[in-house]
mmCIF file of all heavy atoms, coordinates in Angstrom:
data_MODEL
# 
_entry.id   MODEL 
# 
loop_
_atom_site.group_PDB 
_atom_site.id 
_atom_site.type_symbol 
_atom_site.label_atom_id 
_atom_site.label_alt_id 
_atom_site.label_comp_id 
_atom_site.label_asym_id 
_atom_site.label_entity_id 
_atom_site.label_seq_id 
_atom_site.pdbx_PDB_ins_code 
_atom_site.Cartn_x 
_atom_site.Cartn_y 
_atom_site.Cartn_z 
_atom_site.occupancy 
_atom_site.B_iso_or_equiv 
_atom_site.pdbx_formal_charge 
_atom_site.auth_seq_id 
_atom_site.auth_comp_id 
_atom_site.auth_asym_id 
_atom_site.auth_atom_id 
_atom_site.pdbx_PDB_model_num 
ATOM 1   N N   . THR A 1 1  ? 9.310   -0.619  -7.553  1.00 0.00 ? 1  THR A N   1 
ATOM 2   C CA  . THR A 1 1  ? 8.054   -1.137  -7.024  1.00 0.00 ? 1  THR A CA  1 
ATOM 3   C C   . THR A 1 1  ? 7.160   0.046   -6.682  1.00 0.00 ? 1  THR A C   1 
ATOM 4   O O   . THR A 1 1  ? 7.597   0.993   -6.033  1.00 0.00 ? 1  THR A O   1 
ATOM 5   C CB  . THR A 1 1  ? 8.310   -1.975  -5.761  1.00 0.00 ? 1  THR A CB  1 
ATOM 6   O OG1 . THR A 1 1  ? 9.134   -3.086  -6.103  1.00 0.00 ? 1  THR A OG1 1 
ATOM 7   C CG2 . THR A 1 1  ? 7.004   -2.472  -5.177  1.00 0.00 ? 1  THR A CG2 1 
ATOM 8   N N   . MET A 1 2  ? 5.934   0.003   -7.159  1.00 0.00 ? 2  MET A N   1 
ATOM 9   C CA  . MET A 1 2  ? 4.971   1.056   -6.871  1.00 0.00 ? 2  MET A CA  1 
ATOM 10  C C   . MET A 1 2  ? 3.897   0.519   -5.929  1.00 0.00 ? 2  MET A C   1 
ATOM 11  O O   . MET A 1 2  ? 3.658   -0.691  -5.865  1.00 0.00 ? 2  MET A O   1 
ATOM 12  C CB  . MET A 1 2  ? 4.340   1.574   -8.156  1.00 0.00 ? 2  MET A CB  1 
ATOM 13  C CG  . MET A 1 2  ? 5.310   2.284   -9.073  1.00 0.00 ? 2  MET A CG  1 
ATOM 14  S SD  . MET A 1 2  ? 6.010   3.783   -8.365  1.00 0.00 ? 2  MET A SD  1 
ATOM 15  C CE  . MET A 1 2  ? 4.542   4.836   -8.237  1.00 0.00 ? 2  MET A CE  1 
ATOM 16  N N   . ALA A 1 3  ? 3.274   1.418   -5.220  1.00 0.00 ? 3  ALA A N   1 
ATOM 17  C CA  . ALA A 1 3  ? 2.313   0.981   -4.214  1.00 0.00 ? 3  ALA A CA  1 
ATOM 18  C C   . ALA A 1 3  ? 1.221   2.008   -4.003  1.00 0.00 ? 3  ALA A C   1 
ATOM 19  O O   . ALA A 1 3  ? 1.384   3.190   -4.328  1.00 0.00 ? 3  ALA A O   1 
ATOM 20  C CB  . ALA A 1 3  ? 3.013   0.723   -2.889  1.00 0.00 ? 3  ALA A CB  1 
ATOM 21  N N   . TRP A 1 4  ? 0.130   1.532   -3.440  1.00 0.00 ? 4  TRP A N   1 
ATOM 22  C CA  . TRP A 1 4  ? -0.916  2.395   -2.920  1.00 0.00 ? 4  TRP A CA  1 
ATOM 23  C C   . TRP A 1 4  ? -0.829  2.349   -1.403  1.00 0.00 ? 4  TRP A C   1 
ATOM 24  O O   . TRP A 1 4  ? -0.688  1.268   -0.809  1.00 0.00 ? 4  TRP A O   1 
ATOM 25  C CB  . TRP A 1 4  ? -2.294  1.940   -3.384  1.00 0.00 ? 4  TRP A CB  1 
ATOM 26  C CG  . TRP A 1 4  ? -2.574  2.319   -4.797  1.00 0.00 ? 4  TRP A CG  1 
ATOM 27  C CD1 . TRP A 1 4  ? -2.389  1.556   -5.912  1.00 0.00 ? 4  TRP A CD1 1 
ATOM 28  C CD2 . TRP A 1 4  ? -3.083  3.574   -5.255  1.00 0.00 ? 4  TRP A CD2 1 
ATOM 29  N NE1 . TRP A 1 4  ? -2.749  2.255   -7.031  1.00 0.00 ? 4  TRP A NE1 1 
ATOM 30  C CE2 . TRP A 1 4  ? -3.181  3.506   -6.659  1.00 0.00 ? 4  TRP A CE2 1 
ATOM 31  C CE3 . TRP A 1 4  ? -3.474  4.757   -4.620  1.00 0.00 ? 4  TRP A CE3 1 
ATOM 32  C CZ2 . TRP A 1 4  ? -3.653  4.562   -7.436  1.00 0.00 ? 4  TRP A CZ2 1 
ATOM 33  C CZ3 . TRP A 1 4  ? -3.942  5.803   -5.381  1.00 0.00 ? 4  TRP A CZ3 1 
ATOM 34  C CH2 . TRP A 1 4  ? -4.034  5.709   -6.777  1.00 0.00 ? 4  TRP A CH2 1 
ATOM 35  N N   . TYR A 1 5  ? -0.913  3.509   -0.798  1.00 0.00 ? 5  TYR A N   1 
ATOM 36  C CA  . TYR A 1 5  ? -0.941  3.678   0.645   1.00 0.00 ? 5  TYR A CA  1 
ATOM 37  C C   . TYR A 1 5  ? -2.258  4.377   0.996   1.00 0.00 ? 5  TYR A C   1 
ATOM 38  O O   . TYR A 1 5  ? -2.884  5.014   0.154   1.00 0.00 ? 5  TYR A O   1 
ATOM 39  C CB  . TYR A 1 5  ? 0.211   4.564   1.108   1.00 0.00 ? 5  TYR A CB  1 
ATOM 40  C CG  . TYR A 1 5  ? 1.598   4.089   0.723   1.00 0.00 ? 5  TYR A CG  1 
ATOM 41  C CD1 . TYR A 1 5  ? 2.109   4.277   -0.561  1.00 0.00 ? 5  TYR A CD1 1 
ATOM 42  C CD2 . TYR A 1 5  ? 2.425   3.466   1.666   1.00 0.00 ? 5  TYR A CD2 1 
ATOM 43  C CE1 . TYR A 1 5  ? 3.377   3.854   -0.904  1.00 0.00 ? 5  TYR A CE1 1 
ATOM 44  C CE2 . TYR A 1 5  ? 3.701   3.043   1.328   1.00 0.00 ? 5  TYR A CE2 1 
ATOM 45  C CZ  . TYR A 1 5  ? 4.178   3.252   0.047   1.00 0.00 ? 5  TYR A CZ  1 
ATOM 46  O OH  . TYR A 1 5  ? 5.445   2.842   -0.282  1.00 0.00 ? 5  TYR A OH  1 
ATOM 47  N N   . ARG A 1 6  ? -2.640  4.281   2.267   1.00 0.00 ? 6  ARG A N   1 
ATOM 48  C CA  . ARG A 1 6  ? -3.807  5.031   2.713   1.00 0.00 ? 6  ARG A CA  1 
ATOM 49  C C   . ARG A 1 6  ? -3.604  5.513   4.135   1.00 0.00 ? 6  ARG A C   1 
ATOM 50  O O   . ARG A 1 6  ? -2.853  4.928   4.911   1.00 0.00 ? 6  ARG A O   1 
ATOM 51  C CB  . ARG A 1 6  ? -5.088  4.195   2.613   1.00 0.00 ? 6  ARG A CB  1 
ATOM 52  C CG  . ARG A 1 6  ? -5.176  3.032   3.582   1.00 0.00 ? 6  ARG A CG  1 
ATOM 53  C CD  . ARG A 1 6  ? -6.439  2.204   3.296   1.00 0.00 ? 6  ARG A CD  1 
ATOM 54  N NE  . ARG A 1 6  ? -6.567  1.073   4.209   1.00 0.00 ? 6  ARG A NE  1 
ATOM 55  C CZ  . ARG A 1 6  ? -7.502  0.128   4.090   1.00 0.00 ? 6  ARG A CZ  1 
ATOM 56  N NH1 . ARG A 1 6  ? -8.384  0.174   3.092   1.00 0.00 ? 6  ARG A NH1 1 
ATOM 57  N NH2 . ARG A 1 6  ? -7.540  -0.857  4.972   1.00 0.00 ? 6  ARG A NH2 1 
ATOM 58  N N   . GLN A 1 7  ? -4.287  6.599   4.440   1.00 0.00 ? 7  GLN A N   1 
ATOM 59  C CA  . GLN A 1 7  ? -4.230  7.151   5.786   1.00 0.00 ? 7  GLN A CA  1 
ATOM 60  C C   . GLN A 1 7  ? -5.624  7.588   6.204   1.00 0.00 ? 7  GLN A C   1 
ATOM 61  O O   . GLN A 1 7  ? -6.224  8.459   5.570   1.00 0.00 ? 7  GLN A O   1 
ATOM 62  C CB  . GLN A 1 7  ? -3.267  8.332   5.854   1.00 0.00 ? 7  GLN A CB  1 
ATOM 63  C CG  . GLN A 1 7  ? -3.041  8.842   7.262   1.00 0.00 ? 7  GLN A CG  1 
ATOM 64  C CD  . GLN A 1 7  ? -1.871  9.797   7.356   1.00 0.00 ? 7  GLN A CD  1 
ATOM 65  O OE1 . GLN A 1 7  ? -1.455  10.393  6.363   1.00 0.00 ? 7  GLN A OE1 1 
ATOM 66  N NE2 . GLN A 1 7  ? -1.317  9.940   8.545   1.00 0.00 ? 7  GLN A NE2 1 
ATOM 67  N N   . ALA A 1 8  ? -6.100  6.966   7.259   1.00 0.00 ? 8  ALA A N   1 
ATOM 68  C CA  . ALA A 1 8  ? -7.390  7.326   7.831   1.00 0.00 ? 8  ALA A CA  1 
ATOM 69  C C   . ALA A 1 8  ? -7.178  8.364   8.930   1.00 0.00 ? 8  ALA A C   1 
ATOM 70  O O   . ALA A 1 8  ? -6.081  8.435   9.506   1.00 0.00 ? 8  ALA A O   1 
ATOM 71  C CB  . ALA A 1 8  ? -8.080  6.090   8.388   1.00 0.00 ? 8  ALA A CB  1 
ATOM 72  N N   . PRO A 1 9  ? -8.184  9.158   9.245   1.00 0.00 ? 9  PRO A N   1 
ATOM 73  C CA  . PRO A 1 9  ? -8.031  10.176  10.289  1.00 0.00 ? 9  PRO A CA  1 
ATOM 74  C C   . PRO A 1 9  ? -7.561  9.571   11.605  1.00 0.00 ? 9  PRO A C   1 
ATOM 75  O O   . PRO A 1 9  ? -8.098  8.564   12.067  1.00 0.00 ? 9  PRO A O   1 
ATOM 76  C CB  . PRO A 1 9  ? -9.447  10.747  10.418  1.00 0.00 ? 9  PRO A CB  1 
ATOM 77  C CG  . PRO A 1 9  ? -10.055 10.531  9.082   1.00 0.00 ? 9  PRO A CG  1 
ATOM 78  C CD  . PRO A 1 9  ? -9.505  9.207   8.611   1.00 0.00 ? 9  PRO A CD  1 
ATOM 79  N N   . GLY A 1 10 ? -6.514  10.160  12.170  1.00 0.00 ? 10 GLY A N   1 
ATOM 80  C CA  . GLY A 1 10 ? -6.003  9.701   13.448  1.00 0.00 ? 10 GLY A CA  1 
ATOM 81  C C   . GLY A 1 10 ? -5.157  8.448   13.386  1.00 0.00 ? 10 GLY A C   1 
ATOM 82  O O   . GLY A 1 10 ? -4.745  7.934   14.426  1.00 0.00 ? 10 GLY A O   1 
ATOM 83  N N   . LYS A 1 11 ? -4.893  7.961   12.189  1.00 0.00 ? 11 LYS A N   1 
ATOM 84  C CA  . LYS A 1 11 ? -4.099  6.746   12.038  1.00 0.00 ? 11 LYS A CA  1 
ATOM 85  C C   . LYS A 1 11 ? -2.867  7.010   11.191  1.00 0.00 ? 11 LYS A C   1 
ATOM 86  O O   . LYS A 1 11 ? -2.800  7.983   10.440  1.00 0.00 ? 11 LYS A O   1 
ATOM 87  C CB  . LYS A 1 11 ? -4.939  5.640   11.406  1.00 0.00 ? 11 LYS A CB  1 
ATOM 88  C CG  . LYS A 1 11 ? -6.103  5.177   12.271  1.00 0.00 ? 11 LYS A CG  1 
ATOM 89  C CD  . LYS A 1 11 ? -6.781  3.975   11.653  1.00 0.00 ? 11 LYS A CD  1 
ATOM 90  C CE  . LYS A 1 11 ? -7.897  3.449   12.546  1.00 0.00 ? 11 LYS A CE  1 
ATOM 91  N NZ  . LYS A 1 11 ? -8.548  2.245   11.955  1.00 0.00 ? 11 LYS A NZ  1 
ATOM 92  N N   . GLN A 1 12 ? -1.896  6.103   11.309  1.00 0.00 ? 12 GLN A N   1 
ATOM 93  C CA  . GLN A 1 12 ? -0.688  6.226   10.504  1.00 0.00 ? 12 GLN A CA  1 
ATOM 94  C C   . GLN A 1 12 ? -0.966  5.756   9.066   1.00 0.00 ? 12 GLN A C   1 
ATOM 95  O O   . GLN A 1 12 ? -1.857  4.946   8.811   1.00 0.00 ? 12 GLN A O   1 
ATOM 96  C CB  . GLN A 1 12 ? 0.431   5.377   11.114  1.00 0.00 ? 12 GLN A CB  1 
ATOM 97  C CG  . GLN A 1 12 ? 1.001   5.953   12.406  1.00 0.00 ? 12 GLN A CG  1 
ATOM 98  C CD  . GLN A 1 12 ? 2.279   5.251   12.829  1.00 0.00 ? 12 GLN A CD  1 
ATOM 99  O OE1 . GLN A 1 12 ? 2.511   4.102   12.494  1.00 0.00 ? 12 GLN A OE1 1 
ATOM 100 N NE2 . GLN A 1 12 ? 3.109   5.951   13.575  1.00 0.00 ? 12 GLN A NE2 1 
ATOM 101 N N   . ARG A 1 13 ? -0.177  6.273   8.164   1.00 0.00 ? 13 ARG A N   1 
ATOM 102 C CA  . ARG A 1 13 ? -0.289  5.843   6.781   1.00 0.00 ? 13 ARG A CA  1 
ATOM 103 C C   . ARG A 1 13 ? 0.142   4.387   6.679   1.00 0.00 ? 13 ARG A C   1 
ATOM 104 O O   . ARG A 1 13 ? 1.132   3.980   7.277   1.00 0.00 ? 13 ARG A O   1 
ATOM 105 C CB  . ARG A 1 13 ? 0.582   6.721   5.900   1.00 0.00 ? 13 ARG A CB  1 
ATOM 106 C CG  . ARG A 1 13 ? 0.387   6.534   4.413   1.00 0.00 ? 13 ARG A CG  1 
ATOM 107 C CD  . ARG A 1 13 ? 1.168   7.598   3.649   1.00 0.00 ? 13 ARG A CD  1 
ATOM 108 N NE  . ARG A 1 13 ? 0.566   8.923   3.826   1.00 0.00 ? 13 ARG A NE  1 
ATOM 109 C CZ  . ARG A 1 13 ? 1.184   10.062  3.503   1.00 0.00 ? 13 ARG A CZ  1 
ATOM 110 N NH1 . ARG A 1 13 ? 2.400   10.043  3.007   1.00 0.00 ? 13 ARG A NH1 1 
ATOM 111 N NH2 . ARG A 1 13 ? 0.579   11.207  3.698   1.00 0.00 ? 13 ARG A NH2 1 
ATOM 112 N N   . GLU A 1 14 ? -0.617  3.584   5.926   1.00 0.00 ? 14 GLU A N   1 
ATOM 113 C CA  . GLU A 1 14 ? -0.297  2.175   5.779   1.00 0.00 ? 14 GLU A CA  1 
ATOM 114 C C   . GLU A 1 14 ? -0.203  1.801   4.309   1.00 0.00 ? 14 GLU A C   1 
ATOM 115 O O   . GLU A 1 14 ? -0.855  2.397   3.446   1.00 0.00 ? 14 GLU A O   1 
ATOM 116 C CB  . GLU A 1 14 ? -1.359  1.303   6.460   1.00 0.00 ? 14 GLU A CB  1 
ATOM 117 C CG  . GLU A 1 14 ? -2.749  1.427   5.888   1.00 0.00 ? 14 GLU A CG  1 
ATOM 118 C CD  . GLU A 1 14 ? -3.720  0.405   6.454   1.00 0.00 ? 14 GLU A CD  1 
ATOM 119 O OE1 . GLU A 1 14 ? -3.284  -0.609  7.027   1.00 0.00 ? 14 GLU A OE1 1 
ATOM 120 O OE2 . GLU A 1 14 ? -4.944  0.626   6.310   1.00 0.00 ? 14 GLU A OE2 1 
ATOM 121 N N   . LEU A 1 15 ? 0.610   0.766   4.035   1.00 0.00 ? 15 LEU A N   1 
ATOM 122 C CA  . LEU A 1 15 ? 0.748   0.273   2.685   1.00 0.00 ? 15 LEU A CA  1 
ATOM 123 C C   . LEU A 1 15 ? -0.401  -0.688  2.412   1.00 0.00 ? 15 LEU A C   1 
ATOM 124 O O   . LEU A 1 15 ? -0.609  -1.633  3.171   1.00 0.00 ? 15 LEU A O   1 
ATOM 125 C CB  . LEU A 1 15 ? 2.102   -0.419  2.500   1.00 0.00 ? 15 LEU A CB  1 
ATOM 126 C CG  . LEU A 1 15 ? 2.543   -0.703  1.074   1.00 0.00 ? 15 LEU A CG  1 
ATOM 127 C CD1 . LEU A 1 15 ? 4.071   -0.762  1.007   1.00 0.00 ? 15 LEU A CD1 1 
ATOM 128 C CD2 . LEU A 1 15 ? 1.962   -1.993  0.552   1.00 0.00 ? 15 LEU A CD2 1 
ATOM 129 N N   . VAL A 1 16 ? -1.108  -0.453  1.322   1.00 0.00 ? 16 VAL A N   1 
ATOM 130 C CA  . VAL A 1 16 ? -2.281  -1.255  0.985   1.00 0.00 ? 16 VAL A CA  1 
ATOM 131 C C   . VAL A 1 16 ? -1.928  -2.358  -0.011  1.00 0.00 ? 16 VAL A C   1 
ATOM 132 O O   . VAL A 1 16 ? -2.343  -3.513  0.159   1.00 0.00 ? 16 VAL A O   1 
ATOM 133 C CB  . VAL A 1 16 ? -3.384  -0.360  0.396   1.00 0.00 ? 16 VAL A CB  1 
ATOM 134 C CG1 . VAL A 1 16 ? -4.555  -1.198  -0.093  1.00 0.00 ? 16 VAL A CG1 1 
ATOM 135 C CG2 . VAL A 1 16 ? -3.842  0.666   1.422   1.00 0.00 ? 16 VAL A CG2 1 
ATOM 136 N N   . ALA A 1 17 ? -1.190  -2.012  -1.050  1.00 0.00 ? 17 ALA A N   1 
ATOM 137 C CA  . ALA A 1 17 ? -0.835  -2.978  -2.086  1.00 0.00 ? 17 ALA A CA  1 
ATOM 138 C C   . ALA A 1 17 ? 0.372   -2.475  -2.839  1.00 0.00 ? 17 ALA A C   1 
ATOM 139 O O   . ALA A 1 17 ? 0.546   -1.259  -2.982  1.00 0.00 ? 17 ALA A O   1 
ATOM 140 C CB  . ALA A 1 17 ? -1.999  -3.194  -3.049  1.00 0.00 ? 17 ALA A CB  1 
ATOM 141 N N   . SER A 1 18 ? 1.204   -3.389  -3.297  1.00 0.00 ? 18 SER A N   1 
ATOM 142 C CA  . SER A 1 18 ? 2.377   -3.003  -4.063  1.00 0.00 ? 18 SER A CA  1 
ATOM 143 C C   . SER A 1 18 ? 2.517   -3.898  -5.286  1.00 0.00 ? 18 SER A C   1 
ATOM 144 O O   . SER A 1 18 ? 1.980   -5.010  -5.326  1.00 0.00 ? 18 SER A O   1 
ATOM 145 C CB  . SER A 1 18 ? 3.643   -3.067  -3.206  1.00 0.00 ? 18 SER A CB  1 
ATOM 146 O OG  . SER A 1 18 ? 3.919   -4.394  -2.813  1.00 0.00 ? 18 SER A OG  1 
ATOM 147 N N   . ILE A 1 19 ? 3.295   -3.398  -6.269  1.00 0.00 ? 19 ILE A N   1 
ATOM 148 C CA  . ILE A 1 19 ? 3.450   -4.138  -7.515  1.00 0.00 ? 19 ILE A CA  1 
ATOM 149 C C   . ILE A 1 19 ? 4.816   -3.858  -8.130  1.00 0.00 ? 19 ILE A C   1 
ATOM 150 O O   . ILE A 1 19 ? 5.278   -2.727  -8.158  1.00 0.00 ? 19 ILE A O   1 
ATOM 151 C CB  . ILE A 1 19 ? 2.313   -3.770  -8.508  1.00 0.00 ? 19 ILE A CB  1 
ATOM 152 C CG1 . ILE A 1 19 ? 2.412   -4.593  -9.787  1.00 0.00 ? 19 ILE A CG1 1 
ATOM 153 C CG2 . ILE A 1 19 ? 2.296   -2.274  -8.800  1.00 0.00 ? 19 ILE A CG2 1 
ATOM 154 C CD1 . ILE A 1 19 ? 1.176   -4.492  -10.669 1.00 0.00 ? 19 ILE A CD1 1 
ATOM 155 N N   . THR A 1 20 ? 5.448   -4.923  -8.600  1.00 0.00 ? 20 THR A N   1 
ATOM 156 C CA  . THR A 1 20 ? 6.630   -4.759  -9.432  1.00 0.00 ? 20 THR A CA  1 
ATOM 157 C C   . THR A 1 20 ? 6.162   -5.024  -10.856 1.00 0.00 ? 20 THR A C   1 
ATOM 158 O O   . THR A 1 20 ? 5.470   -4.215  -11.428 1.00 0.00 ? 20 THR A O   1 
ATOM 159 C CB  . THR A 1 20 ? 7.742   -5.718  -8.992  1.00 0.00 ? 20 THR A CB  1 
ATOM 160 O OG1 . THR A 1 20 ? 7.206   -7.040  -8.903  1.00 0.00 ? 20 THR A OG1 1 
ATOM 161 C CG2 . THR A 1 20 ? 8.293   -5.316  -7.629  1.00 0.00 ? 20 THR A CG2 1 
ATOM 162 N N   . SER A 1 21 ? 6.503   -6.166  -11.418 1.00 0.00 ? 21 SER A N   1 
ATOM 163 C CA  . SER A 1 21 ? 5.928   -6.514  -12.710 1.00 0.00 ? 21 SER A CA  1 
ATOM 164 C C   . SER A 1 21 ? 4.596   -7.226  -12.524 1.00 0.00 ? 21 SER A C   1 
ATOM 165 O O   . SER A 1 21 ? 3.751   -7.248  -13.418 1.00 0.00 ? 21 SER A O   1 
ATOM 166 C CB  . SER A 1 21 ? 6.898   -7.389  -13.500 1.00 0.00 ? 21 SER A CB  1 
ATOM 167 O OG  . SER A 1 21 ? 7.236   -8.529  -12.752 1.00 0.00 ? 21 SER A OG  1 
ATOM 168 N N   . VAL A 1 22 ? 4.418   -7.826  -11.354 1.00 0.00 ? 22 VAL A N   1 
ATOM 169 C CA  . VAL A 1 22 ? 3.149   -8.457  -10.984 1.00 0.00 ? 22 VAL A CA  1 
ATOM 170 C C   . VAL A 1 22 ? 2.814   -7.996  -9.573  1.00 0.00 ? 22 VAL A C   1 
ATOM 171 O O   . VAL A 1 22 ? 3.709   -7.587  -8.822  1.00 0.00 ? 22 VAL A O   1 
ATOM 172 C CB  . VAL A 1 22 ? 3.236   -10.004 -11.046 1.00 0.00 ? 22 VAL A CB  1 
ATOM 173 C CG1 . VAL A 1 22 ? 3.475   -10.468 -12.470 1.00 0.00 ? 22 VAL A CG1 1 
ATOM 174 C CG2 . VAL A 1 22 ? 4.321   -10.517 -10.112 1.00 0.00 ? 22 VAL A CG2 1 
ATOM 175 N N   . PRO A 1 23 ? 1.536   -8.069  -9.189  1.00 0.00 ? 23 PRO A N   1 
ATOM 176 C CA  . PRO A 1 23 ? 1.206   -7.678  -7.821  1.00 0.00 ? 23 PRO A CA  1 
ATOM 177 C C   . PRO A 1 23 ? 2.014   -8.482  -6.819  1.00 0.00 ? 23 PRO A C   1 
ATOM 178 O O   . PRO A 1 23 ? 2.103   -9.698  -6.915  1.00 0.00 ? 23 PRO A O   1 
ATOM 179 C CB  . PRO A 1 23 ? -0.288  -7.984  -7.721  1.00 0.00 ? 23 PRO A CB  1 
ATOM 180 C CG  . PRO A 1 23 ? -0.776  -7.841  -9.109  1.00 0.00 ? 23 PRO A CG  1 
ATOM 181 C CD  . PRO A 1 23 ? 0.345   -8.365  -9.971  1.00 0.00 ? 23 PRO A CD  1 
ATOM 182 N N   . THR A 1 24 ? 2.597   -7.807  -5.874  1.00 0.00 ? 24 THR A N   1 
ATOM 183 C CA  . THR A 1 24 ? 3.494   -8.484  -4.952  1.00 0.00 ? 24 THR A CA  1 
ATOM 184 C C   . THR A 1 24 ? 3.003   -8.538  -3.520  1.00 0.00 ? 24 THR A C   1 
ATOM 185 O O   . THR A 1 24 ? 3.451   -9.377  -2.756  1.00 0.00 ? 24 THR A O   1 
ATOM 186 C CB  . THR A 1 24 ? 4.864   -7.796  -4.962  1.00 0.00 ? 24 THR A CB  1 
ATOM 187 O OG1 . THR A 1 24 ? 4.702   -6.415  -4.660  1.00 0.00 ? 24 THR A OG1 1 
ATOM 188 C CG2 . THR A 1 24 ? 5.538   -7.939  -6.310  1.00 0.00 ? 24 THR A CG2 1 
ATOM 189 N N   . MET A 1 25 ? 2.131   -7.631  -3.154  1.00 0.00 ? 25 MET A N   1 
ATOM 190 C CA  . MET A 1 25 ? 1.723   -7.593  -1.755  1.00 0.00 ? 25 MET A CA  1 
ATOM 191 C C   . MET A 1 25 ? 0.373   -6.922  -1.603  1.00 0.00 ? 25 MET A C   1 
ATOM 192 O O   . MET A 1 25 ? 0.091   -5.945  -2.295  1.00 0.00 ? 25 MET A O   1 
ATOM 193 C CB  . MET A 1 25 ? 2.759   -6.812  -0.937  1.00 0.00 ? 25 MET A CB  1 
ATOM 194 C CG  . MET A 1 25 ? 2.382   -6.539  0.514   1.00 0.00 ? 25 MET A CG  1 
ATOM 195 S SD  . MET A 1 25 ? 1.469   -4.991  0.709   1.00 0.00 ? 25 MET A SD  1 
ATOM 196 C CE  . MET A 1 25 ? 1.090   -5.092  2.460   1.00 0.00 ? 25 MET A CE  1 
ATOM 197 N N   . TYR A 1 26 ? -0.448  -7.495  -0.756  1.00 0.00 ? 26 TYR A N   1 
ATOM 198 C CA  . TYR A 1 26 ? -1.697  -6.868  -0.337  1.00 0.00 ? 26 TYR A CA  1 
ATOM 199 C C   . TYR A 1 26 ? -1.787  -6.928  1.179   1.00 0.00 ? 26 TYR A C   1 
ATOM 200 O O   . TYR A 1 26 ? -1.445  -7.946  1.784   1.00 0.00 ? 26 TYR A O   1 
ATOM 201 C CB  . TYR A 1 26 ? -2.914  -7.598  -0.924  1.00 0.00 ? 26 TYR A CB  1 
ATOM 202 C CG  . TYR A 1 26 ? -3.082  -7.462  -2.419  1.00 0.00 ? 26 TYR A CG  1 
ATOM 203 C CD1 . TYR A 1 26 ? -2.666  -8.460  -3.283  1.00 0.00 ? 26 TYR A CD1 1 
ATOM 204 C CD2 . TYR A 1 26 ? -3.648  -6.315  -2.963  1.00 0.00 ? 26 TYR A CD2 1 
ATOM 205 C CE1 . TYR A 1 26 ? -2.814  -8.331  -4.657  1.00 0.00 ? 26 TYR A CE1 1 
ATOM 206 C CE2 . TYR A 1 26 ? -3.805  -6.180  -4.338  1.00 0.00 ? 26 TYR A CE2 1 
ATOM 207 C CZ  . TYR A 1 26 ? -3.391  -7.192  -5.180  1.00 0.00 ? 26 TYR A CZ  1 
ATOM 208 O OH  . TYR A 1 26 ? -3.539  -7.059  -6.540  1.00 0.00 ? 26 TYR A OH  1 
ATOM 209 N N   . ALA A 1 27 ? -2.249  -5.863  1.774   1.00 0.00 ? 27 ALA A N   1 
ATOM 210 C CA  . ALA A 1 27 ? -2.539  -5.896  3.198   1.00 0.00 ? 27 ALA A CA  1 
ATOM 211 C C   . ALA A 1 27 ? -3.653  -6.914  3.451   1.00 0.00 ? 27 ALA A C   1 
ATOM 212 O O   . ALA A 1 27 ? -4.544  -7.087  2.606   1.00 0.00 ? 27 ALA A O   1 
ATOM 213 C CB  . ALA A 1 27 ? -2.973  -4.521  3.682   1.00 0.00 ? 27 ALA A CB  1 
# 
C-alpha cells in the first residue's frame, strides 16, 4: 500500500491518502 503524507510547520506528519489496487483511504 502506498500513500501520500504531509507535514505542516509545527505539526505532526499525517497520512493524506493511501492506495492498494484502488484508493483505500482519504483523510
